[in-house]
Amino acid sequence: MYCKSLTAALLGAALFASAAQAQTTYPLAIENCGVNVTFDAAPETAVTVGQAGTEVLYALGLGDKLAGTSVWFTEVLPEFTELNAGVERLADNDPSFEAVVAKRPDIVVVQYEWHIGPQGTVATRNQFADLGIPTFVLPADCWAKDNSTGSDGTRLAMFEMDSIYAGVTQLAQIFDVSEKGAALVADLKAREAEAIEKAAALDLDDASAVFWFSSAEMDIDPYVAGRKGSPGYMMDKLRLRNVVESDEEWPVVSWETIARANPSVIVVAEMDRRRFEADDVEKKLAFLRSDPVTSQMDAVKNDRIVVLNAHSMDPSIRNVTALETLAEALPKFDLQ
């Protein structure tokens, strides 16, 4: 798959930022994750493959454009509950190509490149293009990232919130609502800065953390956050050292290795998805407190565990809320 260079990503962000307040001129040609895409007019109908894209469109006031959504980890943001109830959910997980095409969308907004990459689990970008349907991958999934290393990919540089802001700005331009995009980005940036400032005031010295997303089985090695994904970014900004040193997005690491690192804080994902037994946060917490290895970690003994919405651990506008949640929790743990 295409790996977007950091230089190109920054240039793209700058170009879109400069056009943030401008009315869109069509046809609009953009480069998206290595693919050139053209829009002849603002899309009237959209389908989303991924909750992150769905919530961006809702936040931009474009809910009336959505003909179908798919790939959900948890409930929609509370402010969009009523709106979301009126939008058809094509699938909780991957939708079929036929289900997406049947909605006759003017755009398909995709959260993960592997959904529509060369071995796309839904279809390839070419298959959609052959039907005249433009596709847009949220830039955070290909920004300074190599997606040829597996479904989750490998980060080549630390995740940046600018990749989220670029996605918001680009979608706003595509739909000709750039003013709303600029307002949303400004709000998110202000909240991000405030959360980081609050954590900096704690002056943490050598505090550390691990983010546990899930496990294929309850008692086997967990999927935890690598050091350069969005959780890695959160830890870096909040002055927490990630005990996981892999650059993979969600590597599998043994509990024995994590226990030896003895993180100061454990962050566990809460989600509605039940693909794995460990998707259940209550089972996660019970495991941590009963397993002979995990129960001996300082974070477990001292109840330094933070429950975080699973979707906020993936690149999305929810990353700001996650920063706020963690910044509120850390002062209670006496990590000085």
C-alpha atoms as a PDB file:
ATOM      1  CA  MET A   1       0.000   0.000   0.000  1.00  0.00           C
ATOM      2  CA  TYR A   2       1.010   3.598  -0.427  1.00  0.00           C
ATOM      3  CA  CYS A   3       2.969   5.169   2.419  1.00  0.00           C
ATOM      4  CA  LYS A   4       2.458   8.885   2.674  1.00  0.00           C
ATOM      5  CA  SER A   5       5.598  10.825   3.488  1.00  0.00           C
ATOM      6  CA  LEU A   6       5.544  13.256   6.345  1.00  0.00           C
ATOM      7  CA  THR A   7       6.676  16.082   4.074  1.00  0.00           C
ATOM      8  CA  ALA A   8       3.812  15.513   1.660  1.00  0.00           C
ATOM      9  CA  ALA A   9       1.362  15.253   4.534  1.00  0.00           C
ATOM     10  CA  LEU A  10       2.491  18.539   6.033  1.00  0.00           C
ATOM     11  CA  LEU A  11       2.328  20.248   2.653  1.00  0.00           C
ATOM     12  CA  GLY A  12      -1.187  18.928   2.099  1.00  0.00           C
ATOM     13  CA  ALA A  13      -2.276  20.153   5.517  1.00  0.00           C
ATOM     14  CA  ALA A  14      -0.866  23.616   4.814  1.00  0.00           C
ATOM     15  CA  LEU A  15      -2.629  23.842   1.464  1.00  0.00           C
ATOM     16  CA  PHE A  16      -5.959  22.848   2.917  1.00  0.00           C
ATOM     17  CA  ALA A  17      -5.513  25.140   5.920  1.00  0.00           C
ATOM     18  CA  SER A  18      -4.995  28.090   3.601  1.00  0.00           C
ATOM     19  CA  ALA A  19      -8.226  27.240   1.822  1.00  0.00           C
ATOM     20  CA  ALA A  20     -10.179  26.562   4.999  1.00  0.00           C
ATOM     21  CA  GLN A  21     -12.429  29.603   4.719  1.00  0.00           C
ATOM     22  CA  ALA A  22     -12.797  29.580   0.916  1.00  0.00           C
ATOM     23  CA  GLN A  23     -15.826  28.434  -1.026  1.00  0.00           C
ATOM     24  CA  THR A  24     -15.005  25.243  -2.870  1.00  0.00           C
ATOM     25  CA  THR A  25     -14.466  25.457  -6.601  1.00  0.00           C
ATOM     26  CA  TYR A  26     -15.408  22.367  -8.598  1.00  0.00           C
ATOM     27  CA  PRO A  27     -14.212  20.207 -10.116  1.00  0.00           C
ATOM     28  CA  LEU A  28     -12.075  19.638  -7.014  1.00  0.00           C
ATOM     29  CA  ALA A  29      -9.012  17.423  -7.455  1.00  0.00           C
ATOM     30  CA  ILE A  30      -7.220  16.155  -4.348  1.00  0.00           C
ATOM     31  CA  GLU A  31      -4.517  13.623  -3.559  1.00  0.00           C
ATOM     32  CA  ASN A  32      -5.666  11.166  -0.911  1.00  0.00           C
ATOM     33  CA  CYS A  33      -3.345   8.463   0.434  1.00  0.00           C
ATOM     34  CA  GLY A  34      -1.518   8.272  -2.892  1.00  0.00           C
ATOM     35  CA  VAL A  35      -4.630   8.295  -5.070  1.00  0.00           C
ATOM     36  CA  ASN A  36      -5.890  11.236  -7.134  1.00  0.00           C
ATOM     37  CA  VAL A  37      -9.605  11.800  -6.593  1.00  0.00           C
ATOM     38  CA  THR A  38     -11.856  14.322  -8.354  1.00  0.00           C
ATOM     39  CA  PHE A  39     -15.232  15.663  -7.213  1.00  0.00           C
ATOM     40  CA  ASP A  40     -17.392  17.388  -9.827  1.00  0.00           C
ATOM     41  CA  ALA A  41     -19.710  18.804  -7.185  1.00  0.00           C
ATOM     42  CA  ALA A  42     -20.383  18.626  -3.466  1.00  0.00           C
ATOM     43  CA  PRO A  43     -21.524  15.052  -2.665  1.00  0.00           C
ATOM     44  CA  GLU A  44     -25.237  14.706  -2.062  1.00  0.00           C
ATOM     45  CA  THR A  45     -25.047  11.129  -0.767  1.00  0.00           C
ATOM     46  CA  ALA A  46     -22.330   9.493   1.319  1.00  0.00           C
ATOM     47  CA  VAL A  47     -21.581   6.111   2.869  1.00  0.00           C
ATOM     48  CA  THR A  48     -19.053   5.705   5.667  1.00  0.00           C
ATOM     49  CA  VAL A  49     -16.882   2.672   6.341  1.00  0.00           C
ATOM     50  CA  GLY A  50     -15.636   3.466   9.825  1.00  0.00           C
ATOM     51  CA  GLN A  51     -17.058   5.261  12.839  1.00  0.00           C
ATOM     52  CA  ALA A  52     -14.404   8.004  12.738  1.00  0.00           C
ATOM     53  CA  GLY A  53     -15.590   9.262   9.351  1.00  0.00           C
ATOM     54  CA  THR A  54     -19.220   9.056  10.423  1.00  0.00           C
ATOM     55  CA  GLU A  55     -18.656  11.269  13.432  1.00  0.00           C
ATOM     56  CA  VAL A  56     -16.643  13.828  11.454  1.00  0.00           C
ATOM     57  CA  LEU A  57     -19.502  14.183   8.975  1.00  0.00           C
ATOM     58  CA  TYR A  58     -21.998  14.545  11.825  1.00  0.00           C
ATOM     59  CA  ALA A  59     -19.778  17.182  13.476  1.00  0.00           C
ATOM     60  CA  LEU A  60     -19.688  19.093  10.180  1.00  0.00           C
ATOM     61  CA  GLY A  61     -23.488  19.147  10.028  1.00  0.00           C
ATOM     62  CA  LEU A  62     -23.608  16.669   7.139  1.00  0.00           C
ATOM     63  CA  GLY A  63     -25.735  13.951   8.716  1.00  0.00           C
ATOM     64  CA  ASP A  64     -28.455  14.472   6.135  1.00  0.00           C
ATOM     65  CA  LYS A  65     -26.000  13.375   3.443  1.00  0.00           C
ATOM     66  CA  LEU A  66     -25.374   9.957   4.995  1.00  0.00           C
ATOM     67  CA  ALA A  67     -27.183   7.053   3.349  1.00  0.00           C
ATOM     68  CA  GLY A  68     -25.431   4.356   5.373  1.00  0.00           C
ATOM     69  CA  THR A  69     -22.725   3.711   7.965  1.00  0.00           C
ATOM     70  CA  SER A  70     -20.643   0.705   9.012  1.00  0.00           C
ATOM     71  CA  VAL A  71     -17.738  -0.477  11.217  1.00  0.00           C
ATOM     72  CA  TRP A  72     -18.740   0.551  14.729  1.00  0.00           C
ATOM     73  CA  PHE A  73     -16.825   0.011  17.982  1.00  0.00           C
ATOM     74  CA  THR A  74     -19.116   1.804  20.392  1.00  0.00           C
ATOM     75  CA  GLU A  75     -22.154   4.043  20.604  1.00  0.00           C
ATOM     76  CA  VAL A  76     -22.093   7.255  18.618  1.00  0.00           C
ATOM     77  CA  LEU A  77     -21.119  10.456  20.417  1.00  0.00           C
ATOM     78  CA  PRO A  78     -24.066  11.431  22.658  1.00  0.00           C
ATOM     79  CA  GLU A  79     -24.787  14.669  20.814  1.00  0.00           C
ATOM     80  CA  PHE A  80     -25.435  12.679  17.637  1.00  0.00           C
ATOM     81  CA  THR A  81     -27.644   9.911  19.081  1.00  0.00           C
ATOM     82  CA  GLU A  82     -30.904  11.168  17.575  1.00  0.00           C
ATOM     83  CA  LEU A  83     -29.321  11.976  14.229  1.00  0.00           C
ATOM     84  CA  ASN A  84     -27.591   8.599  14.011  1.00  0.00           C
ATOM     85  CA  ALA A  85     -30.829   6.739  14.750  1.00  0.00           C
ATOM     86  CA  GLY A  86     -32.174   7.928  11.408  1.00  0.00           C
ATOM     87  CA  VAL A  87     -29.199   6.666   9.377  1.00  0.00           C
ATOM     88  CA  GLU A  88     -29.132   3.090   8.150  1.00  0.00           C
ATOM     89  CA  ARG A  89     -26.375   0.918   9.582  1.00  0.00           C
ATOM     90  CA  LEU A  90     -25.237  -1.324   6.737  1.00  0.00           C
ATOM     91  CA  ALA A  91     -23.141  -3.485   9.064  1.00  0.00           C
ATOM     92  CA  ASP A  92     -21.613  -3.351  12.531  1.00  0.00           C
ATOM     93  CA  ASN A  93     -18.341  -4.474  10.994  1.00  0.00           C
ATOM     94  CA  ASP A  94     -17.260  -4.599   7.316  1.00  0.00           C
ATOM     95  CA  PRO A  95     -20.128  -4.036   4.884  1.00  0.00           C
ATOM     96  CA  SER A  96     -20.320  -5.850   1.582  1.00  0.00           C
ATOM     97  CA  PHE A  97     -19.327  -4.017  -1.583  1.00  0.00           C
ATOM     98  CA  GLU A  98     -22.841  -4.585  -2.896  1.00  0.00           C
ATOM     99  CA  ALA A  99     -24.435  -3.003   0.202  1.00  0.00           C
ATOM    100  CA  VAL A 100     -22.326   0.135  -0.190  1.00  0.00           C
ATOM    101  CA  VAL A 101     -22.867   0.459  -3.939  1.00  0.00           C
ATOM    102  CA  ALA A 102     -26.624  -0.065  -3.550  1.00  0.00           C
ATOM    103  CA  LYS A 103     -26.806   3.282  -1.757  1.00  0.00           C
ATOM    104  CA  ARG A 104     -25.484   4.995  -4.918  1.00  0.00           C
ATOM    105  CA  PRO A 105     -23.096   7.221  -2.944  1.00  0.00           C
ATOM    106  CA  ASP A 106     -21.294  10.227  -4.372  1.00  0.00           C
ATOM    107  CA  ILE A 107     -18.470   9.488  -1.922  1.00  0.00           C
ATOM    108  CA  VAL A 108     -17.370   6.637   0.337  1.00  0.00           C
ATOM    109  CA  VAL A 109     -15.515   7.900   3.422  1.00  0.00           C
ATOM    110  CA  VAL A 110     -13.207   5.252   4.867  1.00  0.00           C
ATOM    111  CA  GLN A 111     -11.434   5.109   8.231  1.00  0.00           C
ATOM    112  CA  TYR A 112      -8.848   2.391   7.519  1.00  0.00           C
ATOM    113  CA  GLU A 113      -6.950   2.055   4.273  1.00  0.00           C
ATOM    114  CA  TRP A 114      -7.088  -1.739   4.447  1.00  0.00           C
ATOM    115  CA  HIS A 115     -10.840  -1.579   3.853  1.00  0.00           C
ATOM    116  CA  ILE A 116     -10.301  -0.337   0.287  1.00  0.00           C
ATOM    117  CA  GLY A 117      -6.604  -0.960  -0.381  1.00  0.00           C
ATOM    118  CA  PRO A 118      -5.137  -3.430  -2.907  1.00  0.00           C
ATOM    119  CA  GLN A 119      -6.545  -6.320  -0.857  1.00  0.00           C
ATOM    120  CA  GLY A 120      -9.521  -4.332   0.385  1.00  0.00           C
ATOM    121  CA  THR A 121     -11.795  -6.179   2.791  1.00  0.00           C
ATOM    122  CA  VAL A 122     -14.757  -4.262   1.365  1.00  0.00           C
ATOM    123  CA  ALA A 123     -13.452  -3.624  -2.177  1.00  0.00           C
ATOM    124  CA  THR A 124     -10.546  -1.866  -3.833  1.00  0.00           C
ATOM    125  CA  ARG A 125     -10.500   1.795  -4.694  1.00  0.00           C
ATOM    126  CA  ASN A 126     -10.386   0.797  -8.355  1.00  0.00           C
ATOM    127  CA  GLN A 127     -13.598  -1.190  -8.009  1.00  0.00           C
ATOM    128  CA  PHE A 128     -15.356   1.875  -6.672  1.00  0.00           C
ATOM    129  CA  ALA A 129     -13.718   4.120  -9.289  1.00  0.00           C
ATOM    130  CA  ASP A 130     -14.919   1.812 -12.063  1.00  0.00           C
ATOM    131  CA  LEU A 131     -18.452   2.655 -10.961  1.00  0.00           C
ATOM    132  CA  GLY A 132     -17.685   6.369 -10.789  1.00  0.00           C
ATOM    133  CA  ILE A 133     -17.688   6.447  -6.961  1.00  0.00           C
ATOM    134  CA  PRO A 134     -14.892   8.519  -5.368  1.00  0.00           C
ATOM    135  CA  THR A 135     -13.349   7.190  -2.155  1.00  0.00           C
ATOM    136  CA  PHE A 136     -11.726   9.191   0.638  1.00  0.00           C
ATOM    137  CA  VAL A 137      -9.524   7.618   3.323  1.00  0.00           C
ATOM    138  CA  LEU A 138      -9.107   9.647   6.492  1.00  0.00           C
ATOM    139  CA  PRO A 139      -5.508  10.934   6.213  1.00  0.00           C
ATOM    140  CA  ALA A 140      -4.590   9.828   9.742  1.00  0.00           C
ATOM    141  CA  ASP A 141      -4.416   6.239   8.511  1.00  0.00           C
ATOM    142  CA  CYS A 142      -1.730   6.901   5.896  1.00  0.00           C
ATOM    143  CA  TRP A 143       0.058   9.952   7.324  1.00  0.00           C
ATOM    144  CA  ALA A 144       3.714   8.958   7.861  1.00  0.00           C
ATOM    145  CA  LYS A 145       2.581   5.336   7.999  1.00  0.00           C
ATOM    146  CA  ASP A 146       3.342   2.110   6.128  1.00  0.00           C
ATOM    147  CA  ASN A 147       0.162   0.112   5.609  1.00  0.00           C
ATOM    148  CA  SER A 148       1.899  -2.688   3.700  1.00  0.00           C
ATOM    149  CA  THR A 149       3.022  -4.351   6.951  1.00  0.00           C
ATOM    150  CA  GLY A 150      -0.382  -5.730   7.920  1.00  0.00           C
ATOM    151  CA  SER A 151      -3.937  -4.565   8.517  1.00  0.00           C
ATOM    152  CA  ASP A 152      -2.970  -2.139  11.280  1.00  0.00           C
ATOM    153  CA  GLY A 153       0.222  -0.894   9.623  1.00  0.00           C
ATOM    154  CA  THR A 154       3.406   0.572  11.086  1.00  0.00           C
ATOM    155  CA  ARG A 155       3.946   4.196  12.026  1.00  0.00           C
ATOM    156  CA  LEU A 156       7.067   5.810  10.565  1.00  0.00           C
ATOM    157  CA  ALA A 157       6.761   8.882  12.795  1.00  0.00           C
ATOM    158  CA  MET A 158       4.693   9.838  15.818  1.00  0.00           C
ATOM    159  CA  PHE A 159       0.984  10.303  15.161  1.00  0.00           C
ATOM    160  CA  GLU A 160      -0.004  13.961  14.974  1.00  0.00           C
ATOM    161  CA  MET A 161      -3.368  15.549  15.615  1.00  0.00           C
ATOM    162  CA  ASP A 162      -2.666  17.568  12.483  1.00  0.00           C
ATOM    163  CA  SER A 163      -3.564  14.423  10.540  1.00  0.00           C
ATOM    164  CA  ILE A 164      -7.031  14.510  12.137  1.00  0.00           C
ATOM    165  CA  TYR A 165      -7.393  18.223  11.476  1.00  0.00           C
ATOM    166  CA  ALA A 166      -6.350  17.708   7.846  1.00  0.00           C
ATOM    167  CA  GLY A 167      -9.096  15.095   7.424  1.00  0.00           C
ATOM    168  CA  VAL A 168     -11.724  17.425   8.873  1.00  0.00           C
ATOM    169  CA  THR A 169     -10.531  20.294   6.658  1.00  0.00           C
ATOM    170  CA  GLN A 170     -10.458  18.182   3.506  1.00  0.00           C
ATOM    171  CA  LEU A 171     -13.911  16.705   4.048  1.00  0.00           C
ATOM    172  CA  ALA A 172     -15.261  20.189   4.748  1.00  0.00           C
ATOM    173  CA  GLN A 173     -13.790  21.379   1.456  1.00  0.00           C
ATOM    174  CA  ILE A 174     -15.153  18.387  -0.466  1.00  0.00           C
ATOM    175  CA  PHE A 175     -18.664  19.095   0.861  1.00  0.00           C
ATOM    176  CA  ASP A 176     -18.267  22.895   0.511  1.00  0.00           C
ATOM    177  CA  VAL A 177     -18.652  23.587   4.246  1.00  0.00           C
ATOM    178  CA  SER A 178     -15.141  24.923   4.878  1.00  0.00           C
ATOM    179  CA  GLU A 179     -16.316  27.465   7.437  1.00  0.00           C
ATOM    180  CA  LYS A 180     -17.766  24.677   9.608  1.00  0.00           C
ATOM    181  CA  GLY A 181     -14.556  22.719   9.207  1.00  0.00           C
ATOM    182  CA  ALA A 182     -12.446  25.647  10.387  1.00  0.00           C
ATOM    183  CA  ALA A 183     -14.690  26.152  13.436  1.00  0.00           C
ATOM    184  CA  LEU A 184     -14.515  22.468  14.377  1.00  0.00           C
ATOM    185  CA  VAL A 185     -10.725  22.383  14.054  1.00  0.00           C
ATOM    186  CA  ALA A 186     -10.355  25.554  16.146  1.00  0.00           C
ATOM    187  CA  ASP A 187     -12.462  24.055  18.938  1.00  0.00           C
ATOM    188  CA  LEU A 188     -10.563  20.764  18.937  1.00  0.00           C
ATOM    189  CA  LYS A 189      -7.188  22.526  18.961  1.00  0.00           C
ATOM    190  CA  ALA A 190      -8.168  24.684  21.935  1.00  0.00           C
ATOM    191  CA  ARG A 191      -9.331  21.663  23.939  1.00  0.00           C
ATOM    192  CA  GLU A 192      -6.199  19.712  23.000  1.00  0.00           C
ATOM    193  CA  ALA A 193      -3.931  22.518  24.215  1.00  0.00           C
ATOM    194  CA  GLU A 194      -5.814  22.864  27.495  1.00  0.00           C
ATOM    195  CA  ALA A 195      -5.557  19.135  28.286  1.00  0.00           C
ATOM    196  CA  ILE A 196      -1.823  19.099  27.526  1.00  0.00           C
ATOM    197  CA  GLU A 197      -1.265  22.149  29.718  1.00  0.00           C
ATOM    198  CA  LYS A 198      -3.129  20.504  32.598  1.00  0.00           C
ATOM    199  CA  ALA A 199      -0.938  17.393  32.397  1.00  0.00           C
ATOM    200  CA  ALA A 200       2.254  19.440  32.095  1.00  0.00           C
ATOM    201  CA  ALA A 201       1.424  21.121  35.393  1.00  0.00           C
ATOM    202  CA  LEU A 202       1.774  17.723  37.125  1.00  0.00           C
ATOM    203  CA  ASP A 203       5.488  17.718  36.254  1.00  0.00           C
ATOM    204  CA  LEU A 204       5.636  13.915  36.036  1.00  0.00           C
ATOM    205  CA  ASP A 205       9.131  12.498  36.309  1.00  0.00           C
ATOM    206  CA  ASP A 206       9.223   8.828  35.247  1.00  0.00           C
ATOM    207  CA  ALA A 207       5.587   7.780  35.052  1.00  0.00           C
ATOM    208  CA  SER A 208       4.721   5.149  32.440  1.00  0.00           C
ATOM    209  CA  ALA A 209       1.659   3.532  30.897  1.00  0.00           C
ATOM    210  CA  VAL A 210       0.276   0.794  28.680  1.00  0.00           C
ATOM    211  CA  PHE A 211      -2.919   0.948  26.595  1.00  0.00           C
ATOM    212  CA  TRP A 212      -4.772  -2.397  26.330  1.00  0.00           C
ATOM    213  CA  PHE A 213      -7.246  -2.527  23.445  1.00  0.00           C
ATOM    214  CA  SER A 214      -8.282  -6.202  23.472  1.00  0.00           C
ATOM    215  CA  SER A 215      -7.039  -9.793  23.217  1.00  0.00           C
ATOM    216  CA  ALA A 216      -7.967 -12.587  20.828  1.00  0.00           C
ATOM    217  CA  GLU A 217      -8.610 -14.729  23.918  1.00  0.00           C
ATOM    218  CA  MET A 218      -8.901 -13.642  27.512  1.00  0.00           C
ATOM    219  CA  ASP A 219      -5.755 -15.295  28.802  1.00  0.00           C
ATOM    220  CA  ILE A 220      -3.364 -14.779  25.893  1.00  0.00           C
ATOM    221  CA  ASP A 221      -1.054 -11.949  24.882  1.00  0.00           C
ATOM    222  CA  PRO A 222      -2.959  -8.654  24.489  1.00  0.00           C
ATOM    223  CA  TYR A 223      -3.163  -6.130  21.684  1.00  0.00           C
ATOM    224  CA  VAL A 224      -1.528  -3.019  23.117  1.00  0.00           C
ATOM    225  CA  ALA A 225      -0.685   0.403  21.724  1.00  0.00           C
ATOM    226  CA  GLY A 226       2.610   0.862  19.928  1.00  0.00           C
ATOM    227  CA  ARG A 227       4.741   3.888  20.664  1.00  0.00           C
ATOM    228  CA  LYS A 228       3.855   6.000  17.602  1.00  0.00           C
ATOM    229  CA  GLY A 229       0.086   5.667  17.219  1.00  0.00           C
ATOM    230  CA  SER A 230      -2.525   7.984  18.704  1.00  0.00           C
ATOM    231  CA  PRO A 231      -2.195   6.462  22.220  1.00  0.00           C
ATOM    232  CA  GLY A 232       1.565   6.935  21.903  1.00  0.00           C
ATOM    233  CA  TYR A 233       0.938  10.574  21.061  1.00  0.00           C
ATOM    234  CA  MET A 234      -1.313  10.919  24.123  1.00  0.00           C
ATOM    235  CA  MET A 235       1.312   9.386  26.386  1.00  0.00           C
ATOM    236  CA  ASP A 236       4.007  11.639  24.957  1.00  0.00           C
ATOM    237  CA  LYS A 237       1.951  14.806  25.409  1.00  0.00           C
ATOM    238  CA  LEU A 238       0.869  13.798  28.928  1.00  0.00           C
ATOM    239  CA  ARG A 239       4.462  12.937  29.874  1.00  0.00           C
ATOM    240  CA  LEU A 240       3.891   9.216  30.265  1.00  0.00           C
ATOM    241  CA  ARG A 241       6.491   6.773  28.968  1.00  0.00           C
ATOM    242  CA  ASN A 242       5.031   4.004  26.820  1.00  0.00           C
ATOM    243  CA  VAL A 243       6.387   0.666  28.061  1.00  0.00           C
ATOM    244  CA  VAL A 244       5.718  -0.824  24.607  1.00  0.00           C
ATOM    245  CA  GLU A 245       8.544  -0.015  22.186  1.00  0.00           C
ATOM    246  CA  SER A 246       7.096  -1.406  18.951  1.00  0.00           C
ATOM    247  CA  ASP A 247       6.267   0.909  16.027  1.00  0.00           C
ATOM    248  CA  GLU A 248       3.374  -1.328  14.985  1.00  0.00           C
ATOM    249  CA  GLU A 249      -0.018   0.256  15.526  1.00  0.00           C
ATOM    250  CA  TRP A 250      -1.339  -2.519  17.803  1.00  0.00           C
ATOM    251  CA  PRO A 251       1.377  -5.113  18.480  1.00  0.00           C
ATOM    252  CA  VAL A 252       0.814  -8.252  20.525  1.00  0.00           C
ATOM    253  CA  VAL A 253       2.966  -8.181  23.676  1.00  0.00           C
ATOM    254  CA  SER A 254       3.062 -10.773  26.461  1.00  0.00           C
ATOM    255  CA  TRP A 255       1.752  -9.935  29.913  1.00  0.00           C
ATOM    256  CA  GLU A 256       5.041 -11.154  31.334  1.00  0.00           C
ATOM    257  CA  THR A 257       6.902  -8.488  29.326  1.00  0.00           C
ATOM    258  CA  ILE A 258       4.419  -5.795  30.374  1.00  0.00           C
ATOM    259  CA  ALA A 259       4.609  -6.881  34.013  1.00  0.00           C
ATOM    260  CA  ARG A 260       8.398  -6.639  33.974  1.00  0.00           C
ATOM    261  CA  ALA A 261       8.076  -3.079  32.683  1.00  0.00           C
ATOM    262  CA  ASN A 262       5.579  -2.439  35.513  1.00  0.00           C
ATOM    263  CA  PRO A 263       3.671   0.543  34.028  1.00  0.00           C
ATOM    264  CA  SER A 264       2.499   3.222  36.456  1.00  0.00           C
ATOM    265  CA  VAL A 265      -0.904   3.416  34.739  1.00  0.00           C
ATOM    266  CA  ILE A 266      -2.959   0.919  32.731  1.00  0.00           C
ATOM    267  CA  VAL A 267      -5.506   2.259  30.236  1.00  0.00           C
ATOM    268  CA  VAL A 268      -8.139  -0.238  29.113  1.00  0.00           C
ATOM    269  CA  ALA A 269     -10.563   0.066  26.223  1.00  0.00           C
ATOM    270  CA  GLU A 270     -14.308  -0.022  26.698  1.00  0.00           C
ATOM    271  CA  MET A 271     -16.386  -0.914  23.646  1.00  0.00           C
ATOM    272  CA  ASP A 272     -19.719  -2.328  22.502  1.00  0.00           C
ATOM    273  CA  ARG A 273     -18.056  -4.625  19.973  1.00  0.00           C
ATOM    274  CA  ARG A 274     -17.902  -8.288  21.046  1.00  0.00           C
ATOM    275  CA  ARG A 275     -15.584  -9.805  18.476  1.00  0.00           C
ATOM    276  CA  PHE A 276     -13.339 -11.091  21.284  1.00  0.00           C
ATOM    277  CA  GLU A 277     -14.121 -11.984  24.895  1.00  0.00           C
ATOM    278  CA  ALA A 278     -11.661  -9.304  26.003  1.00  0.00           C
ATOM    279  CA  ASP A 279     -13.726  -6.631  24.237  1.00  0.00           C
ATOM    280  CA  ASP A 280     -15.777  -6.635  27.474  1.00  0.00           C
ATOM    281  CA  VAL A 281     -14.168  -4.081  29.806  1.00  0.00           C
ATOM    282  CA  GLU A 282     -15.496  -5.809  32.924  1.00  0.00           C
ATOM    283  CA  LYS A 283     -13.737  -9.008  31.885  1.00  0.00           C
ATOM    284  CA  LYS A 284     -10.571  -7.014  31.268  1.00  0.00           C
ATOM    285  CA  LEU A 285     -10.695  -5.564  34.773  1.00  0.00           C
ATOM    286  CA  ALA A 286     -11.448  -8.942  36.352  1.00  0.00           C
ATOM    287  CA  PHE A 287      -8.516 -10.501  34.489  1.00  0.00           C
ATOM    288  CA  LEU A 288      -6.082  -7.805  35.600  1.00  0.00           C
ATOM    289  CA  ARG A 289      -7.052  -8.319  39.240  1.00  0.00           C
ATOM    290  CA  SER A 290      -7.081 -12.126  39.239  1.00  0.00           C
ATOM    291  CA  ASP A 291      -4.305 -13.237  36.892  1.00  0.00           C
ATOM    292  CA  PRO A 292      -1.149 -14.246  38.845  1.00  0.00           C
ATOM    293  CA  VAL A 293       1.056 -12.101  36.593  1.00  0.00           C
ATOM    294  CA  THR A 294      -1.019  -8.975  36.009  1.00  0.00           C
ATOM    295  CA  SER A 295      -2.313  -8.745  39.575  1.00  0.00           C
ATOM    296  CA  GLN A 296       1.228  -8.104  40.818  1.00  0.00           C
ATOM    297  CA  MET A 297       1.700  -4.918  38.782  1.00  0.00           C
ATOM    298  CA  ASP A 298       1.785  -1.692  40.806  1.00  0.00           C
ATOM    299  CA  ALA A 299      -0.912  -0.116  38.644  1.00  0.00           C
ATOM    300  CA  VAL A 300      -3.313  -2.949  39.499  1.00  0.00           C
ATOM    301  CA  LYS A 301      -2.438  -3.068  43.188  1.00  0.00           C
ATOM    302  CA  ASN A 302      -2.940   0.692  43.507  1.00  0.00           C
ATOM    303  CA  ASP A 303      -5.986   0.881  41.203  1.00  0.00           C
ATOM    304  CA  ARG A 304      -4.251   3.170  38.743  1.00  0.00           C
ATOM    305  CA  ILE A 305      -6.477   2.000  35.892  1.00  0.00           C
ATOM    306  CA  VAL A 306      -8.259   4.315  33.454  1.00  0.00           C
ATOM    307  CA  VAL A 307     -11.177   3.120  31.340  1.00  0.00           C
ATOM    308  CA  LEU A 308     -11.181   4.843  27.959  1.00  0.00           C
ATOM    309  CA  ASN A 309     -13.597   4.612  25.068  1.00  0.00           C
ATOM    310  CA  ALA A 310     -12.073   2.230  22.502  1.00  0.00           C
ATOM    311  CA  HIS A 311     -12.811   4.477  19.562  1.00  0.00           C
ATOM    312  CA  SER A 312     -10.822   7.279  21.198  1.00  0.00           C
ATOM    313  CA  MET A 313      -7.732   5.037  21.062  1.00  0.00           C
ATOM    314  CA  ASP A 314      -7.856   5.073  17.261  1.00  0.00           C
ATOM    315  CA  PRO A 315      -7.173   8.237  15.253  1.00  0.00           C
ATOM    316  CA  SER A 316     -10.383  10.263  15.413  1.00  0.00           C
ATOM    317  CA  ILE A 317     -11.822  13.513  16.692  1.00  0.00           C
ATOM    318  CA  ARG A 318     -12.345  11.584  19.950  1.00  0.00           C
ATOM    319  CA  ASN A 319      -8.598  11.717  20.616  1.00  0.00           C
ATOM    320  CA  VAL A 320      -9.126  15.137  22.175  1.00  0.00           C
ATOM    321  CA  THR A 321     -11.724  13.741  24.589  1.00  0.00           C
ATOM    322  CA  ALA A 322      -9.300  10.954  25.477  1.00  0.00           C
ATOM    323  CA  LEU A 323      -6.599  13.511  26.290  1.00  0.00           C
ATOM    324  CA  GLU A 324      -9.086  15.327  28.517  1.00  0.00           C
ATOM    325  CA  THR A 325     -10.113  12.113  30.293  1.00  0.00           C
ATOM    326  CA  LEU A 326      -6.514  11.140  30.994  1.00  0.00           C
ATOM    327  CA  ALA A 327      -5.536  14.643  32.087  1.00  0.00           C
ATOM    328  CA  GLU A 328      -8.416  14.541  34.601  1.00  0.00           C
ATOM    329  CA  ALA A 329      -7.446  11.079  35.902  1.00  0.00           C
ATOM    330  CA  LEU A 330      -3.690  11.499  36.361  1.00  0.00           C
ATOM    331  CA  PRO A 331      -3.775  13.937  39.311  1.00  0.00           C
ATOM    332  CA  LYS A 332      -5.693  11.331  41.344  1.00  0.00           C
ATOM    333  CA  PHE A 333      -2.895   8.756  41.063  1.00  0.00           C
ATOM    334  CA  ASP A 334      -0.190  10.588  43.020  1.00  0.00           C
ATOM    335  CA  LEU A 335       2.527   9.765  40.496  1.00  0.00           C
ATOM    336  CA  GLN A 336       5.044  12.335  41.761  1.00  0.00           C
END
